[in-house]
Amino acid sequence: MRHKAGRIVAVLLVLLIIVGGGAVAAIYQKNSLAHVYFHKLTDKTEKTTPVATTDKTASSTIDEAKLKAQLKRLQFVGNVAVIQDGKLVYQQPYGQDPQKNTKTATTEYQIGALQNTLTAAAVMQLVKDGKLDLTTPVSKYYLLDNADASVTVGSLLEMTSGLRLDVLPASELNKDVIAWNLANTTVTTTGQYNFQTVNYALLSGIIAQASGVSYQKFIKDTLLQPAGVKHTGFVTSAAVQSKLAPSFTYDKASDSASAVTQDTLFQTMNDQLGSKQLYTTASDMAQLTHYITSSSFVGEKYMHQGAIAKAGTAYTGRLTIDGSRLVSRADFAGYHNALAFTEDGKNWCRIAK
């Protein structure tokens, strides 16, 4: 059974909708765009217009005129990409940010806690391969004061580990976030949900130990290369970050925006994965999510065991079942991110039950 996009609610930076075998991804940067609706993008009963495409054999039934009108009305600033049946069929930058920076199809943005979706997928690949077990105590990998056997790999994934980090990180890009987390983390009550970035920081280190290669290399080899993305990587330095699309904070009362400083970005990154923080484009994010939810990846068993959170589960940054959709979101130093896509009738993720 196929589902149309309907009214998809998103927050800003990356919006991904898989509809009728396809995906729509958008990246944008303004807090006033708190809710964006792509309504009836694939309604074949309405007149459609040709769309820009990177593949002359690909075609789309998206009503481009309606899409542009919607984005203009909402003062959209960013990039939109559409993937259908695994092919990029539409990609277009829209609007200008306060500094009037030029955007292209390959404009790159940071994704913040949306990276947790990819980290969770990498964890479940290792579980499938028998190299990692969600019930294993974290103490096998890291020693934490007052942490007992109830602090498991699975509890990190669910953010029920009881680990807490209240120390403000430095504004210089940290190359060793794990050591900093270990030195500043306290253990509270295990079993209670608490969104703490330390959970996924430690998971990145556990991925490295279980796989025998660095977290970055495992993500590249297991996710980025198989998905075929070409404009995704890690913010390893100030030079890399400076080439990305700038982020802005927006004050609705004065209708004014201010660019987020690099120091603020680095401080936010250090609270998550530091130099392991990913950047990507709209189309790459669409391809990545399409890949990790396809039957060619770990399969339904392992996706639902850990990579995808169950309906009603507290926020972790992972994909979460929401009715007939899978969704995720994140706020990150002036960027605002969201993923949402529906069952397409072909992929394994048939969740409308």
Protein backbone atom coordinates (compact mmCIF):
# COMPACT_ATOMS: atom_id res chain seq x y z
CA MET A 1 0.00 0.00 0.00
CA ARG A 2 1.40 3.36 -1.00
CA HIS A 3 1.13 6.54 1.02
CA LYS A 4 1.30 10.07 -0.33
CA ALA A 5 3.35 12.71 1.41
CA GLY A 6 0.29 14.48 2.78
CA ARG A 7 1.11 17.25 5.24
CA ILE A 8 4.67 16.72 6.38
CA VAL A 9 5.75 18.84 9.34
CA ALA A 10 9.43 19.70 9.53
CA VAL A 11 11.86 21.89 11.35
CA LEU A 12 14.71 23.43 9.50
CA LEU A 13 17.96 22.26 7.85
CA VAL A 14 17.19 18.86 6.38
CA LEU A 15 13.75 17.63 5.41
CA LEU A 16 13.54 14.20 3.87
CA ILE A 17 10.35 12.66 2.55
CA ILE A 18 10.22 9.33 0.74
CA VAL A 19 7.05 9.23 -1.33
CA GLY A 20 6.01 6.71 -3.95
CA GLY A 21 9.46 5.22 -4.16
CA GLY A 22 11.21 8.54 -3.84
CA ALA A 23 12.66 11.01 -1.40
CA VAL A 24 12.62 14.75 -0.99
CA ALA A 25 15.38 16.42 0.98
CA ALA A 26 15.61 20.09 1.82
CA ILE A 27 18.20 22.04 3.75
CA TYR A 28 17.50 25.47 5.11
CA GLN A 29 18.43 28.01 7.74
CA LYS A 30 15.81 30.26 9.33
CA ASN A 31 14.05 29.82 12.66
CA SER A 32 10.82 31.40 11.38
CA LEU A 33 10.40 28.37 9.10
CA ALA A 34 9.36 26.18 12.01
CA HIS A 35 6.82 24.20 9.99
CA VAL A 36 7.11 23.39 6.30
CA TYR A 37 4.46 21.45 4.45
CA PHE A 38 4.98 19.68 1.16
CA HIS A 39 1.34 18.98 0.33
CA LYS A 40 0.42 16.53 -2.44
CA LEU A 41 3.83 16.70 -4.08
CA THR A 42 3.02 13.56 -6.05
CA ASP A 43 -0.63 14.22 -6.78
CA LYS A 44 -0.89 13.04 -10.38
CA THR A 45 -4.36 14.52 -10.77
CA GLU A 46 -2.86 18.00 -10.82
CA LYS A 47 -0.85 19.57 -13.59
CA THR A 48 2.87 19.02 -13.16
CA THR A 49 5.86 20.85 -14.56
CA PRO A 50 9.24 19.48 -15.64
CA VAL A 51 11.91 19.46 -13.00
CA ALA A 52 15.65 19.92 -12.98
CA THR A 53 17.42 16.58 -12.96
CA THR A 54 20.90 15.12 -12.90
CA ASP A 55 19.72 12.04 -14.82
CA LYS A 56 18.07 12.59 -18.20
CA THR A 57 16.28 9.24 -17.93
CA ALA A 58 14.75 10.11 -14.56
CA SER A 59 11.41 11.85 -14.27
CA SER A 60 9.29 13.25 -11.47
CA THR A 61 5.64 14.08 -10.93
CA ILE A 62 6.36 16.78 -8.37
CA ASP A 63 4.42 19.97 -8.97
CA GLU A 64 7.39 22.30 -9.11
CA ALA A 65 5.29 25.45 -9.40
CA LYS A 66 3.38 24.59 -6.24
CA LEU A 67 6.60 23.66 -4.45
CA LYS A 68 8.27 26.95 -5.37
CA ALA A 69 5.20 28.93 -4.31
CA GLN A 70 5.18 27.15 -0.95
CA LEU A 71 8.88 27.80 -0.36
CA LYS A 72 8.55 31.45 -1.36
CA ARG A 73 5.59 31.94 0.99
CA LEU A 74 7.60 30.46 3.86
CA GLN A 75 10.73 32.50 3.02
CA PHE A 76 12.64 29.27 2.53
CA VAL A 77 16.44 29.55 2.37
CA GLY A 78 18.39 26.47 1.36
CA ASN A 79 18.36 23.47 -0.96
CA VAL A 80 15.75 20.97 -2.08
CA ALA A 81 16.56 17.57 -3.58
CA VAL A 82 14.19 14.84 -4.71
CA ILE A 83 15.07 11.18 -5.08
CA GLN A 84 12.63 8.75 -6.68
CA ASP A 85 13.31 5.05 -7.10
CA GLY A 86 16.86 5.63 -5.93
CA LYS A 87 17.60 8.33 -8.52
CA LEU A 88 18.14 12.03 -8.00
CA VAL A 89 15.46 13.66 -10.14
CA TYR A 90 15.33 17.18 -8.75
CA GLN A 91 17.70 19.53 -6.97
CA GLN A 92 17.44 23.27 -6.52
CA PRO A 93 18.71 25.97 -4.14
CA TYR A 94 16.18 28.56 -2.97
CA GLY A 95 16.41 31.99 -1.41
CA GLN A 96 19.29 33.99 0.03
CA ASP A 97 20.53 34.03 3.60
CA PRO A 98 21.18 37.37 5.38
CA GLN A 99 24.72 37.51 3.98
CA LYS A 100 23.44 36.74 0.46
CA ASN A 101 25.73 33.73 0.11
CA THR A 102 25.46 31.88 -3.18
CA LYS A 103 24.04 28.37 -2.90
CA THR A 104 24.45 25.58 -5.41
CA ALA A 105 23.30 21.98 -5.70
CA THR A 106 26.37 20.94 -3.70
CA THR A 107 26.10 23.44 -0.84
CA GLU A 108 27.06 21.61 2.35
CA TYR A 109 25.57 21.92 5.83
CA GLN A 110 26.23 20.46 9.28
CA ILE A 111 23.57 18.06 10.57
CA GLY A 112 24.05 17.99 14.34
CA ALA A 113 22.26 15.20 16.21
CA LEU A 114 20.80 13.83 12.97
CA GLN A 115 24.14 12.06 12.83
CA ASN A 116 22.77 9.85 15.62
CA THR A 117 20.66 8.15 12.94
CA LEU A 118 23.84 7.11 11.13
CA THR A 119 25.64 6.16 14.36
CA ALA A 120 22.71 3.92 15.34
CA ALA A 121 22.74 2.32 11.90
CA ALA A 122 26.48 1.64 12.24
CA VAL A 123 25.92 0.06 15.68
CA MET A 124 23.31 -2.29 14.26
CA GLN A 125 25.60 -3.28 11.39
CA LEU A 126 28.11 -4.44 14.01
CA VAL A 127 25.35 -6.24 15.93
CA LYS A 128 24.33 -8.02 12.75
CA ASP A 129 27.96 -8.99 12.11
CA GLY A 130 28.25 -10.42 15.63
CA LYS A 131 30.89 -7.88 16.67
CA LEU A 132 28.71 -6.00 19.13
CA ASP A 133 25.90 -6.87 21.56
CA LEU A 134 23.42 -4.34 22.89
CA THR A 135 23.36 -6.09 26.28
CA THR A 136 27.13 -5.73 26.81
CA PRO A 137 28.04 -3.41 29.71
CA VAL A 138 29.79 -0.22 28.65
CA SER A 139 32.50 -1.11 31.17
CA LYS A 140 33.85 -3.57 28.60
CA TYR A 141 34.92 -0.53 26.58
CA TYR A 142 35.17 2.34 29.07
CA LEU A 143 35.52 2.64 32.84
CA LEU A 144 33.09 5.08 34.42
CA ASP A 145 32.90 5.79 38.14
CA ASN A 146 29.72 4.31 39.71
CA ALA A 147 28.61 2.66 36.44
CA ASP A 148 27.41 -0.92 36.91
CA ALA A 149 26.40 -3.64 34.43
CA SER A 150 23.04 -1.93 33.81
CA VAL A 151 24.85 0.73 31.79
CA THR A 152 24.88 -1.16 28.49
CA VAL A 153 25.51 -0.42 24.85
CA GLY A 154 21.75 -0.58 24.32
CA SER A 155 21.13 1.97 27.08
CA LEU A 156 23.46 4.39 25.29
CA LEU A 157 21.41 3.90 22.14
CA GLU A 158 18.15 4.62 24.00
CA MET A 159 19.71 7.36 26.19
CA THR A 160 18.65 5.55 29.35
CA SER A 161 22.22 4.96 30.57
CA GLY A 162 22.03 7.50 33.38
CA LEU A 163 25.15 9.23 32.06
CA ARG A 164 25.07 13.00 32.48
CA LEU A 165 27.34 15.78 31.27
CA ASP A 166 26.88 19.28 32.69
CA VAL A 167 30.28 20.80 31.85
CA LEU A 168 30.44 23.38 29.08
CA PRO A 169 32.99 22.36 26.42
CA ALA A 170 35.72 24.58 25.02
CA SER A 171 35.21 26.65 21.86
CA GLU A 172 38.28 25.21 20.12
CA LEU A 173 37.56 22.12 18.03
CA ASN A 174 38.20 19.07 20.20
CA LYS A 175 40.02 16.20 18.51
CA ASP A 176 39.39 13.80 21.43
CA VAL A 177 35.79 14.23 22.52
CA ILE A 178 35.64 10.78 24.11
CA ALA A 179 38.43 11.51 26.59
CA TRP A 180 36.76 14.79 27.48
CA ASN A 181 33.41 13.04 28.00
CA LEU A 182 34.96 10.34 30.18
CA ALA A 183 36.66 12.96 32.33
CA ASN A 184 33.49 15.02 32.85
CA THR A 185 30.61 12.53 32.85
CA THR A 186 28.70 11.56 35.98
CA VAL A 187 26.46 8.51 36.41
CA THR A 188 22.95 9.02 37.74
CA THR A 189 19.92 6.69 37.70
CA THR A 190 20.09 4.07 34.96
CA GLY A 191 16.87 3.23 33.16
CA GLN A 192 15.44 6.73 33.01
CA TYR A 193 15.50 8.62 29.72
CA ASN A 194 17.68 11.71 29.61
CA PHE A 195 18.90 13.23 26.36
CA GLN A 196 22.66 13.53 26.86
CA THR A 197 25.09 13.79 23.96
CA VAL A 198 27.67 11.74 25.88
CA ASN A 199 25.70 8.59 24.98
CA TYR A 200 26.40 8.82 21.26
CA ALA A 201 29.90 10.18 21.77
CA LEU A 202 30.74 6.95 23.62
CA LEU A 203 28.95 4.91 20.97
CA SER A 204 31.31 6.36 18.36
CA GLY A 205 34.25 5.06 20.41
CA ILE A 206 32.60 1.67 20.91
CA ILE A 207 32.05 1.42 17.16
CA ALA A 208 35.79 2.00 16.68
CA GLN A 209 36.74 -0.65 19.25
CA ALA A 210 34.27 -3.24 17.95
CA SER A 211 35.17 -2.70 14.29
CA GLY A 212 38.92 -2.32 14.68
CA VAL A 213 38.98 0.90 12.65
CA SER A 214 38.23 4.53 13.49
CA TYR A 215 34.63 5.72 13.77
CA GLN A 216 35.16 7.95 10.73
CA LYS A 217 36.50 5.10 8.61
CA PHE A 218 33.71 2.74 9.64
CA ILE A 219 31.06 5.33 8.78
CA LYS A 220 32.74 5.97 5.42
CA ASP A 221 33.16 2.30 4.54
CA THR A 222 29.80 1.09 5.84
CA LEU A 223 27.47 3.99 5.02
CA LEU A 224 28.92 6.78 2.92
CA GLN A 225 30.61 4.76 0.18
CA PRO A 226 27.84 2.14 -0.27
CA ALA A 227 25.24 4.93 -0.40
CA GLY A 228 27.26 6.59 -3.16
CA VAL A 229 27.39 10.04 -1.57
CA LYS A 230 30.06 12.41 -2.82
CA HIS A 231 29.61 15.59 -0.79
CA THR A 232 29.57 14.27 2.77
CA GLY A 233 32.47 14.25 5.21
CA PHE A 234 33.72 15.21 8.65
CA VAL A 235 34.42 18.71 9.98
CA THR A 236 37.99 17.96 10.99
CA SER A 237 39.24 21.55 11.13
CA ALA A 238 38.32 25.22 11.08
CA ALA A 239 39.30 25.29 7.40
CA VAL A 240 36.74 22.59 6.56
CA GLN A 241 34.02 24.28 8.58
CA SER A 242 34.61 27.66 6.95
CA LYS A 243 33.65 26.22 3.56
CA LEU A 244 30.21 25.10 4.73
CA ALA A 245 27.01 27.10 4.51
CA PRO A 246 26.88 29.51 7.46
CA SER A 247 24.15 29.17 10.08
CA PHE A 248 22.09 31.98 11.55
CA THR A 249 19.97 32.71 14.58
CA TYR A 250 16.77 34.57 13.81
CA ASP A 251 14.93 37.02 16.05
CA LYS A 252 11.27 37.05 15.04
CA ALA A 253 10.42 40.21 16.98
CA SER A 254 12.94 42.35 15.09
CA ASP A 255 12.89 40.21 11.93
CA SER A 256 16.68 40.12 11.97
CA ALA A 257 19.27 37.37 11.69
CA SER A 258 22.79 37.02 13.03
CA ALA A 259 25.48 34.66 11.82
CA VAL A 260 26.60 32.03 14.34
CA THR A 261 30.31 32.35 15.10
CA GLN A 262 32.73 29.52 14.47
CA ASP A 263 33.58 29.43 18.19
CA THR A 264 29.91 28.82 19.01
CA LEU A 265 29.70 26.10 16.37
CA PHE A 266 32.81 24.38 17.72
CA GLN A 267 31.53 24.54 21.28
CA THR A 268 28.29 22.88 20.15
CA MET A 269 30.23 20.29 18.16
CA ASN A 270 32.43 19.50 21.16
CA ASP A 271 29.29 18.72 23.14
CA GLN A 272 28.53 16.01 20.56
CA LEU A 273 31.24 14.44 18.42
CA GLY A 274 33.78 17.21 17.93
CA SER A 275 35.85 16.67 14.79
CA LYS A 276 33.70 13.60 14.00
CA GLN A 277 30.78 15.89 13.17
CA LEU A 278 29.36 15.26 9.69
CA TYR A 279 28.48 17.74 6.97
CA THR A 280 26.39 16.85 3.94
CA THR A 281 24.18 18.15 1.11
CA ALA A 282 20.42 17.83 0.67
CA SER A 283 20.75 15.11 -1.97
CA ASP A 284 23.42 13.20 -0.03
CA MET A 285 21.23 13.16 3.09
CA ALA A 286 18.39 11.79 1.00
CA GLN A 287 20.63 9.09 -0.48
CA LEU A 288 22.06 8.17 2.92
CA THR A 289 18.66 7.74 4.56
CA HIS A 290 17.33 5.89 1.54
CA TYR A 291 20.26 3.50 1.80
CA ILE A 292 20.17 2.75 5.52
CA THR A 293 16.42 2.02 5.39
CA SER A 294 16.66 -0.21 2.32
CA SER A 295 16.67 -4.00 2.26
CA SER A 296 20.31 -3.91 1.08
CA PHE A 297 21.45 -2.65 4.48
CA VAL A 298 20.94 -4.51 7.78
CA GLY A 299 17.33 -5.55 7.18
CA GLU A 300 14.11 -5.07 9.11
CA LYS A 301 15.09 -7.11 12.18
CA TYR A 302 18.14 -5.05 13.06
CA MET A 303 16.62 -1.74 11.99
CA HIS A 304 13.74 -2.20 14.42
CA GLN A 305 15.98 -3.68 17.10
CA GLY A 306 18.01 -0.52 17.43
CA ALA A 307 18.49 1.71 14.40
CA ILE A 308 14.85 2.83 14.41
CA ALA A 309 13.13 3.92 17.61
CA LYS A 310 9.67 2.57 18.36
CA ALA A 311 6.58 4.80 18.26
CA GLY A 312 6.32 6.92 21.39
CA THR A 313 10.01 6.47 22.23
CA ALA A 314 11.73 9.54 23.66
CA TYR A 315 13.90 11.59 21.32
CA THR A 316 17.42 10.33 20.63
CA GLY A 317 18.13 11.71 17.14
CA ARG A 318 17.42 8.31 15.58
CA LEU A 319 14.67 7.68 13.06
CA THR A 320 11.41 7.16 14.95
CA ILE A 321 8.22 5.44 13.82
CA ASP A 322 5.40 7.99 13.60
CA GLY A 323 2.27 6.40 12.17
CA SER A 324 3.09 5.61 8.55
CA ARG A 325 6.27 7.66 8.60
CA LEU A 326 9.79 7.52 9.91
CA VAL A 327 10.92 10.87 11.32
CA SER A 328 13.86 12.52 13.02
CA ARG A 329 14.87 16.06 13.89
CA ALA A 330 17.67 18.09 15.46
CA ASP A 331 18.60 21.66 16.35
CA PHE A 332 22.23 22.60 15.98
CA ALA A 333 23.74 26.06 16.51
CA GLY A 334 21.50 27.93 14.08
CA TYR A 335 20.80 24.93 11.86
CA HIS A 336 17.51 23.08 12.25
CA ASN A 337 17.17 19.55 10.93
CA ALA A 338 14.40 17.10 10.22
CA LEU A 339 13.86 13.84 8.37
CA ALA A 340 10.47 12.40 7.49
CA PHE A 341 9.53 9.78 4.96
CA THR A 342 6.64 7.50 4.24
CA GLU A 343 6.45 3.89 3.17
CA ASP A 344 6.90 3.61 -0.57
CA GLY A 345 5.46 0.16 -1.16
CA LYS A 346 8.87 -1.21 -2.18
CA ASN A 347 11.28 -0.78 0.69
CA TRP A 348 11.30 -3.12 3.66
CA CYS A 349 10.13 -0.42 6.08
CA ARG A 350 6.39 -1.09 5.81
CA ILE A 351 5.34 0.44 9.10
CA ALA A 352 1.71 1.45 8.46
CA LYS A 353 0.11 -1.38 10.41
